C-alpha cells in the first residue's frame, strides 16, 4: 500500500513538473525563439549529406546534452520544491 502511495505521489509530481515546464515554454520569448531556431536547424541537419557514423555521433551528442539539461531542470525543480516546503513548514 505504501509503495502505491509513493508511486501516486511521484506521478503527481511528474505531472506538475510537465505542466509547469509547458507553461514556461509557452510564456518565455527566448525559449520560443530557441524552439523556432531548433526547428530550422533540424531541417538543415536532415538535409545534410552526412555518413551514418557522423550522424550517429552527432545524434548521440545532442541526446546527451538534452538528457543532462532535462535532468538538471527536474532536479532544480524538485530541490526548489523541497526548499519551499521546508520554508512553509517552519512558518506553520
N, C-alpha and C. Protein backbone atom coordinates (compact mmCIF):
# COMPACT_ATOMS: atom_id res chain seq x y z
N UNK A 1 0.82 -1.19 0.00
CA UNK A 1 0.00 0.00 0.00
C UNK A 1 0.87 1.26 0.00
N UNK A 2 1.94 1.23 0.82
CA UNK A 2 2.85 2.38 0.89
C UNK A 2 3.52 2.62 -0.46
N UNK A 3 3.88 1.54 -1.14
CA UNK A 3 4.52 1.66 -2.45
C UNK A 3 3.57 2.30 -3.45
N UNK A 4 2.27 1.96 -3.39
CA UNK A 4 1.28 2.55 -4.30
C UNK A 4 1.14 4.04 -4.03
N UNK A 5 1.19 4.44 -2.77
CA UNK A 5 1.11 5.85 -2.41
C UNK A 5 2.33 6.59 -2.94
N UNK A 6 3.49 5.99 -2.80
CA UNK A 6 4.72 6.59 -3.30
C UNK A 6 4.66 6.77 -4.81
N UNK A 7 4.17 5.78 -5.52
CA UNK A 7 4.04 5.86 -6.98
C UNK A 7 3.06 6.96 -7.35
N UNK A 8 1.96 7.07 -6.63
CA UNK A 8 0.96 8.11 -6.90
C UNK A 8 1.56 9.50 -6.70
N UNK A 9 2.35 9.65 -5.64
CA UNK A 9 3.00 10.94 -5.37
C UNK A 9 3.99 11.27 -6.47
N UNK A 10 4.81 10.31 -6.86
CA UNK A 10 5.79 10.54 -7.93
C UNK A 10 5.08 10.91 -9.23
N UNK A 11 4.00 10.22 -9.56
CA UNK A 11 3.24 10.53 -10.77
C UNK A 11 2.66 11.94 -10.71
N UNK A 12 2.17 12.33 -9.56
CA UNK A 12 1.60 13.67 -9.38
C UNK A 12 2.68 14.74 -9.56
N UNK A 13 3.85 14.52 -8.97
CA UNK A 13 4.96 15.47 -9.10
C UNK A 13 5.41 15.57 -10.55
N UNK A 14 5.51 14.44 -11.23
CA UNK A 14 5.91 14.46 -12.64
C UNK A 14 4.90 15.23 -13.48
N UNK A 15 3.63 15.04 -13.20
CA UNK A 15 2.58 15.75 -13.93
C UNK A 15 2.69 17.26 -13.69
N UNK A 16 2.89 17.65 -12.42
CA UNK A 16 3.04 19.07 -12.10
C UNK A 16 4.25 19.66 -12.80
N UNK A 17 5.36 18.93 -12.80
CA UNK A 17 6.58 19.41 -13.44
C UNK A 17 6.37 19.60 -14.94
N UNK A 18 5.70 18.66 -15.57
CA UNK A 18 5.43 18.76 -17.00
C UNK A 18 4.55 19.96 -17.30
N UNK A 19 3.49 20.15 -16.50
CA UNK A 19 2.60 21.28 -16.72
C UNK A 19 3.33 22.61 -16.54
N UNK A 20 4.14 22.71 -15.52
CA UNK A 20 4.89 23.95 -15.29
C UNK A 20 5.89 24.19 -16.40
N UNK A 21 6.57 23.14 -16.83
CA UNK A 21 7.56 23.28 -17.91
C UNK A 21 6.88 23.77 -19.17
N UNK A 22 5.70 23.23 -19.48
CA UNK A 22 4.97 23.66 -20.68
C UNK A 22 4.55 25.12 -20.59
N UNK A 23 4.11 25.55 -19.41
CA UNK A 23 3.73 26.96 -19.22
C UNK A 23 4.94 27.87 -19.42
N UNK A 24 6.06 27.46 -18.88
CA UNK A 24 7.29 28.26 -19.04
C UNK A 24 7.68 28.32 -20.51
N UNK A 25 7.63 27.18 -21.18
CA UNK A 25 7.99 27.14 -22.60
C UNK A 25 7.10 28.04 -23.43
N UNK A 26 5.81 28.07 -23.09
CA UNK A 26 4.87 28.89 -23.84
C UNK A 26 5.04 30.38 -23.57
N UNK A 27 5.44 30.73 -22.36
CA UNK A 27 5.45 32.13 -21.97
C UNK A 27 6.79 32.84 -22.18
N UNK A 28 7.88 32.12 -22.27
CA UNK A 28 9.19 32.75 -22.37
C UNK A 28 9.57 32.97 -23.83
N UNK A 29 9.79 34.22 -24.19
CA UNK A 29 10.08 34.54 -25.60
C UNK A 29 11.41 33.97 -26.06
N UNK A 30 12.39 33.90 -25.17
CA UNK A 30 13.70 33.35 -25.55
C UNK A 30 13.60 31.85 -25.84
N UNK A 31 12.84 31.16 -25.02
CA UNK A 31 12.66 29.73 -25.24
C UNK A 31 11.88 29.49 -26.53
N UNK A 32 10.85 30.29 -26.77
CA UNK A 32 10.09 30.14 -28.02
C UNK A 32 11.00 30.38 -29.23
N UNK A 33 11.89 31.37 -29.13
CA UNK A 33 12.83 31.63 -30.23
C UNK A 33 13.78 30.45 -30.40
N UNK A 34 14.24 29.88 -29.29
CA UNK A 34 15.12 28.70 -29.37
C UNK A 34 14.40 27.54 -30.04
N UNK A 35 13.12 27.35 -29.72
CA UNK A 35 12.34 26.27 -30.33
C UNK A 35 12.25 26.49 -31.84
N UNK A 36 11.98 27.72 -32.25
CA UNK A 36 11.92 28.02 -33.69
C UNK A 36 13.27 27.79 -34.35
N UNK A 37 14.34 28.22 -33.69
CA UNK A 37 15.69 28.02 -34.23
C UNK A 37 16.01 26.53 -34.35
N UNK A 38 15.62 25.76 -33.34
CA UNK A 38 15.87 24.32 -33.38
C UNK A 38 15.16 23.66 -34.56
N UNK A 39 13.92 24.07 -34.81
CA UNK A 39 13.19 23.51 -35.95
C UNK A 39 13.93 23.76 -37.25
N UNK A 40 14.41 25.00 -37.42
CA UNK A 40 15.15 25.33 -38.64
C UNK A 40 16.44 24.52 -38.74
N UNK A 41 17.16 24.43 -37.63
CA UNK A 41 18.42 23.68 -37.63
C UNK A 41 18.19 22.19 -37.86
N UNK A 42 17.11 21.64 -37.33
CA UNK A 42 16.79 20.23 -37.56
C UNK A 42 16.53 19.98 -39.05
N UNK A 43 15.83 20.91 -39.69
CA UNK A 43 15.57 20.77 -41.13
C UNK A 43 16.88 20.83 -41.92
N UNK A 44 17.74 21.75 -41.56
CA UNK A 44 19.03 21.87 -42.25
C UNK A 44 19.88 20.63 -42.02
N UNK A 45 19.87 20.13 -40.78
CA UNK A 45 20.64 18.93 -40.44
C UNK A 45 20.13 17.73 -41.22
N UNK A 46 18.80 17.60 -41.31
CA UNK A 46 18.22 16.47 -42.04
C UNK A 46 18.59 16.51 -43.51
N UNK A 47 18.80 17.71 -44.03
CA UNK A 47 19.14 17.85 -45.44
C UNK A 47 20.62 17.66 -45.76
N UNK A 48 21.44 17.55 -44.73
CA UNK A 48 22.88 17.39 -44.96
C UNK A 48 23.19 15.95 -45.37
N UNK A 49 24.14 15.83 -46.25
CA UNK A 49 24.56 14.52 -46.72
C UNK A 49 25.74 14.04 -45.86
N UNK A 50 25.40 13.47 -44.69
CA UNK A 50 26.43 13.01 -43.76
C UNK A 50 26.45 11.49 -43.72
N UNK A 51 27.64 10.92 -43.61
CA UNK A 51 27.72 9.48 -43.43
C UNK A 51 27.02 9.06 -42.13
N UNK A 52 26.54 7.84 -42.11
CA UNK A 52 25.80 7.32 -40.95
C UNK A 52 26.58 7.47 -39.66
N UNK A 53 27.86 7.15 -39.68
CA UNK A 53 28.68 7.20 -38.46
C UNK A 53 28.75 8.62 -37.90
N UNK A 54 28.90 9.62 -38.75
CA UNK A 54 28.94 11.02 -38.29
C UNK A 54 27.60 11.43 -37.70
N UNK A 55 26.54 11.07 -38.42
CA UNK A 55 25.19 11.43 -37.96
C UNK A 55 24.90 10.77 -36.60
N UNK A 56 25.34 9.55 -36.43
CA UNK A 56 25.12 8.82 -35.17
C UNK A 56 25.83 9.50 -34.01
N UNK A 57 27.06 9.92 -34.21
CA UNK A 57 27.82 10.60 -33.15
C UNK A 57 27.15 11.93 -32.80
N UNK A 58 26.74 12.68 -33.81
CA UNK A 58 26.08 13.97 -33.58
C UNK A 58 24.76 13.76 -32.84
N UNK A 59 23.97 12.78 -33.27
CA UNK A 59 22.69 12.49 -32.62
C UNK A 59 22.88 12.09 -31.15
N UNK A 60 23.88 11.24 -30.90
CA UNK A 60 24.16 10.82 -29.53
C UNK A 60 24.61 12.00 -28.66
N UNK A 61 25.42 12.87 -29.22
CA UNK A 61 25.89 14.05 -28.51
C UNK A 61 24.72 14.96 -28.15
N UNK A 62 23.84 15.21 -29.10
CA UNK A 62 22.67 16.05 -28.86
C UNK A 62 21.76 15.42 -27.81
N UNK A 63 21.54 14.12 -27.90
CA UNK A 63 20.68 13.42 -26.93
C UNK A 63 21.27 13.52 -25.53
N UNK A 64 22.58 13.42 -25.42
CA UNK A 64 23.25 13.53 -24.12
C UNK A 64 23.07 14.94 -23.54
N UNK A 65 23.24 15.96 -24.37
CA UNK A 65 23.03 17.34 -23.91
C UNK A 65 21.60 17.56 -23.45
N UNK A 66 20.65 17.06 -24.22
CA UNK A 66 19.23 17.22 -23.86
C UNK A 66 18.92 16.49 -22.56
N UNK A 67 19.41 15.29 -22.42
CA UNK A 67 19.17 14.49 -21.22
C UNK A 67 19.74 15.19 -19.98
N UNK A 68 20.95 15.69 -20.10
CA UNK A 68 21.58 16.40 -18.99
C UNK A 68 20.78 17.64 -18.62
N UNK A 69 20.36 18.37 -19.60
CA UNK A 69 19.60 19.60 -19.36
C UNK A 69 18.26 19.31 -18.69
N UNK A 70 17.55 18.29 -19.19
CA UNK A 70 16.26 17.92 -18.61
C UNK A 70 16.43 17.42 -17.17
N UNK A 71 17.44 16.63 -16.94
CA UNK A 71 17.69 16.10 -15.59
C UNK A 71 18.02 17.24 -14.63
N UNK A 72 18.85 18.17 -15.08
CA UNK A 72 19.20 19.32 -14.26
C UNK A 72 17.96 20.14 -13.93
N UNK A 73 17.10 20.37 -14.92
CA UNK A 73 15.87 21.13 -14.70
C UNK A 73 14.96 20.41 -13.71
N UNK A 74 14.83 19.11 -13.87
CA UNK A 74 13.99 18.33 -12.95
C UNK A 74 14.53 18.39 -11.52
N UNK A 75 15.83 18.20 -11.36
CA UNK A 75 16.42 18.24 -10.03
C UNK A 75 16.32 19.63 -9.41
N UNK A 76 16.49 20.65 -10.22
CA UNK A 76 16.37 22.02 -9.72
C UNK A 76 14.95 22.27 -9.24
N UNK A 77 13.97 21.80 -9.99
CA UNK A 77 12.57 21.97 -9.61
C UNK A 77 12.28 21.25 -8.30
N UNK A 78 12.70 19.99 -8.23
CA UNK A 78 12.44 19.20 -7.03
C UNK A 78 13.15 19.81 -5.83
N UNK A 79 14.36 20.23 -6.03
CA UNK A 79 15.13 20.85 -4.93
C UNK A 79 14.44 22.14 -4.48
N UNK A 80 14.00 22.95 -5.41
CA UNK A 80 13.29 24.17 -5.08
C UNK A 80 11.98 23.89 -4.38
N UNK A 81 11.29 22.85 -4.82
CA UNK A 81 10.03 22.46 -4.19
C UNK A 81 10.27 22.02 -2.75
N UNK A 82 11.36 21.27 -2.53
CA UNK A 82 11.71 20.83 -1.18
C UNK A 82 12.06 22.00 -0.28
N UNK A 83 12.80 22.97 -0.80
CA UNK A 83 13.15 24.15 -0.02
C UNK A 83 11.89 24.93 0.31
N UNK A 84 10.99 25.06 -0.67
CA UNK A 84 9.75 25.78 -0.46
C UNK A 84 8.91 25.08 0.63
N UNK A 85 8.83 23.76 0.57
CA UNK A 85 8.03 23.01 1.56
C UNK A 85 8.62 23.17 2.94
N UNK A 86 9.98 23.11 3.08
CA UNK A 86 10.54 23.25 4.41
C UNK A 86 10.38 24.66 4.92
N UNK A 87 10.41 25.65 4.06
CA UNK A 87 10.18 27.03 4.48
C UNK A 87 8.75 27.20 4.96
N UNK A 88 7.81 26.59 4.25
CA UNK A 88 6.41 26.69 4.64
C UNK A 88 6.15 26.00 5.97
N UNK A 89 6.78 24.87 6.19
CA UNK A 89 6.54 24.13 7.44
C UNK A 89 7.14 24.87 8.63
N UNK A 90 8.17 25.68 8.44
CA UNK A 90 8.76 26.43 9.54
C UNK A 90 7.85 27.57 9.98
N UNK A 91 7.06 28.11 9.05
CA UNK A 91 6.18 29.22 9.40
C UNK A 91 4.89 28.75 10.00
N UNK A 92 4.61 27.47 9.90
CA UNK A 92 3.33 26.93 10.43
C UNK A 92 3.38 26.76 11.93
